[in-house]
Amino acid sequence: MNMPISLDWSTEEVVDVIHFFQGVEEAHQKAGISRDDLLSRYRRFKEIVPSKSEEKQVCKEFDEEAGVSCYRAVQAAKAGETERVRL
């Protein structure tokens, strides 16, 4: 799978963005992901991609490639209705 990454990001930032995307994928799986873990990964992602428009572009590329929704995963985590995020 092709991950949307920027050549401007450091190796550590690329790893952290991929880690966030893996969390989004976990949220779409049966076991889900810890709400706090996903929010922590999202906060780090936002440090790397602070622009809302860039976030939308990067997430859209990933969503289309992986068949998931970054937006829905993050919104479910922010809603905090359960300890785990499962979509």
C-alpha atoms as a PDB file:
ATOM      1  CA  MET A   1       0.000   0.000   0.000  1.00  0.00           C
ATOM      2  CA  ASN A   2       1.224   3.482  -0.815  1.00  0.00           C
ATOM      3  CA  MET A   3       1.332   5.783   2.194  1.00  0.00           C
ATOM      4  CA  PRO A   4       0.946   9.523   1.572  1.00  0.00           C
ATOM      5  CA  ILE A   5       4.188  10.961   2.910  1.00  0.00           C
ATOM      6  CA  SER A   6       5.971  14.236   2.308  1.00  0.00           C
ATOM      7  CA  LEU A   7       9.599  14.502   1.286  1.00  0.00           C
ATOM      8  CA  ASP A   8       9.795  17.411   3.740  1.00  0.00           C
ATOM      9  CA  TRP A   9       9.243  15.100   6.732  1.00  0.00           C
ATOM     10  CA  SER A  10      12.114  13.609   8.709  1.00  0.00           C
ATOM     11  CA  THR A  11      12.407   9.834   9.041  1.00  0.00           C
ATOM     12  CA  GLU A  12      10.963  10.067  12.569  1.00  0.00           C
ATOM     13  CA  GLU A  13       8.008  12.102  11.307  1.00  0.00           C
ATOM     14  CA  VAL A  14       7.312   9.578   8.528  1.00  0.00           C
ATOM     15  CA  VAL A  15       7.345   6.779  11.112  1.00  0.00           C
ATOM     16  CA  ASP A  16       4.967   8.730  13.369  1.00  0.00           C
ATOM     17  CA  VAL A  17       2.531   9.479  10.515  1.00  0.00           C
ATOM     18  CA  ILE A  18       2.528   5.802   9.521  1.00  0.00           C
ATOM     19  CA  HIS A  19       1.928   4.928  13.184  1.00  0.00           C
ATOM     20  CA  PHE A  20      -1.157   7.187  13.161  1.00  0.00           C
ATOM     21  CA  PHE A  21      -2.430   5.580   9.959  1.00  0.00           C
ATOM     22  CA  GLN A  22      -1.942   2.130  11.496  1.00  0.00           C
ATOM     23  CA  GLY A  23      -4.046   3.290  14.443  1.00  0.00           C
ATOM     24  CA  VAL A  24      -6.807   4.380  12.064  1.00  0.00           C
ATOM     25  CA  GLU A  25      -6.699   0.934  10.452  1.00  0.00           C
ATOM     26  CA  GLU A  26      -6.864  -0.723  13.887  1.00  0.00           C
ATOM     27  CA  ALA A  27      -9.971   1.347  14.688  1.00  0.00           C
ATOM     28  CA  HIS A  28     -11.634  -0.222  11.653  1.00  0.00           C
ATOM     29  CA  GLN A  29     -10.796  -3.761  12.770  1.00  0.00           C
ATOM     30  CA  LYS A  30     -12.748  -6.006  15.103  1.00  0.00           C
ATOM     31  CA  ALA A  31     -10.479  -5.507  18.137  1.00  0.00           C
ATOM     32  CA  GLY A  32     -10.335  -1.736  17.702  1.00  0.00           C
ATOM     33  CA  ILE A  33      -7.772   0.533  19.338  1.00  0.00           C
ATOM     34  CA  SER A  34      -7.520   2.245  22.693  1.00  0.00           C
ATOM     35  CA  ARG A  35      -9.149   5.663  22.531  1.00  0.00           C
ATOM     36  CA  ASP A  36      -6.209   7.286  24.349  1.00  0.00           C
ATOM     37  CA  ASP A  37      -3.693   5.603  22.037  1.00  0.00           C
ATOM     38  CA  LEU A  38      -5.446   6.838  18.901  1.00  0.00           C
ATOM     39  CA  LEU A  39      -5.753  10.387  20.275  1.00  0.00           C
ATOM     40  CA  SER A  40      -2.074  10.380  21.232  1.00  0.00           C
ATOM     41  CA  ARG A  41      -1.125   9.282  17.722  1.00  0.00           C
ATOM     42  CA  TYR A  42      -3.430  11.962  16.261  1.00  0.00           C
ATOM     43  CA  ARG A  43      -1.847  14.706  18.401  1.00  0.00           C
ATOM     44  CA  ARG A  44       1.600  13.716  17.087  1.00  0.00           C
ATOM     45  CA  PHE A  45       0.222  13.612  13.526  1.00  0.00           C
ATOM     46  CA  LYS A  46      -1.094  17.186  13.986  1.00  0.00           C
ATOM     47  CA  GLU A  47       2.377  18.341  15.122  1.00  0.00           C
ATOM     48  CA  ILE A  48       3.721  17.082  11.792  1.00  0.00           C
ATOM     49  CA  VAL A  49       0.713  18.158   9.686  1.00  0.00           C
ATOM     50  CA  PRO A  50      -0.651  21.272  11.447  1.00  0.00           C
ATOM     51  CA  SER A  51      -2.545  22.644   8.431  1.00  0.00           C
ATOM     52  CA  LYS A  52      -6.179  21.518   8.234  1.00  0.00           C
ATOM     53  CA  SER A  53      -6.103  21.538   4.425  1.00  0.00           C
ATOM     54  CA  GLU A  54      -2.935  19.426   4.314  1.00  0.00           C
ATOM     55  CA  GLU A  55      -4.429  17.061   6.907  1.00  0.00           C
ATOM     56  CA  LYS A  56      -7.522  16.624   4.726  1.00  0.00           C
ATOM     57  CA  GLN A  57      -5.409  15.964   1.639  1.00  0.00           C
ATOM     58  CA  VAL A  58      -3.085  13.444   3.332  1.00  0.00           C
ATOM     59  CA  CYS A  59      -5.954  11.654   5.070  1.00  0.00           C
ATOM     60  CA  LYS A  60      -8.031  11.553   1.876  1.00  0.00           C
ATOM     61  CA  GLU A  61      -5.165   9.870   0.025  1.00  0.00           C
ATOM     62  CA  PHE A  62      -4.754   7.333   2.835  1.00  0.00           C
ATOM     63  CA  ASP A  63      -8.494   6.731   3.195  1.00  0.00           C
ATOM     64  CA  GLU A  64      -8.857   5.978  -0.505  1.00  0.00           C
ATOM     65  CA  GLU A  65      -5.856   3.644  -0.500  1.00  0.00           C
ATOM     66  CA  ALA A  66      -6.774   1.785   2.705  1.00  0.00           C
ATOM     67  CA  GLY A  67     -10.577   1.892   2.527  1.00  0.00           C
ATOM     68  CA  VAL A  68     -10.903   3.509   5.962  1.00  0.00           C
ATOM     69  CA  SER A  69     -11.799   6.947   7.346  1.00  0.00           C
ATOM     70  CA  CYS A  70      -9.307   8.950   9.412  1.00  0.00           C
ATOM     71  CA  TYR A  71     -12.036  11.498  10.135  1.00  0.00           C
ATOM     72  CA  ARG A  72     -14.521   8.942  11.475  1.00  0.00           C
ATOM     73  CA  ALA A  73     -11.839   7.255  13.606  1.00  0.00           C
ATOM     74  CA  VAL A  74     -10.676  10.519  15.180  1.00  0.00           C
ATOM     75  CA  GLN A  75     -14.244  11.760  15.721  1.00  0.00           C
ATOM     76  CA  ALA A  76     -15.173   8.484  17.450  1.00  0.00           C
ATOM     77  CA  ALA A  77     -12.111   8.800  19.690  1.00  0.00           C
ATOM     78  CA  LYS A  78     -12.909  12.426  20.529  1.00  0.00           C
ATOM     79  CA  ALA A  79     -16.514  11.522  21.355  1.00  0.00           C
ATOM     80  CA  GLY A  80     -15.094   9.270  24.051  1.00  0.00           C
ATOM     81  CA  GLU A  81     -18.166   7.118  24.411  1.00  0.00           C
ATOM     82  CA  THR A  82     -16.106   3.952  24.949  1.00  0.00           C
ATOM     83  CA  GLU A  83     -12.592   3.013  26.050  1.00  0.00           C
ATOM     84  CA  ARG A  84     -11.869   1.481  22.619  1.00  0.00           C
ATOM     85  CA  VAL A  85     -12.570   2.856  19.172  1.00  0.00           C
ATOM     86  CA  ARG A  86     -14.217   0.320  16.853  1.00  0.00           C
ATOM     87  CA  LEU A  87     -15.818   1.324  13.570  1.00  0.00           C
END
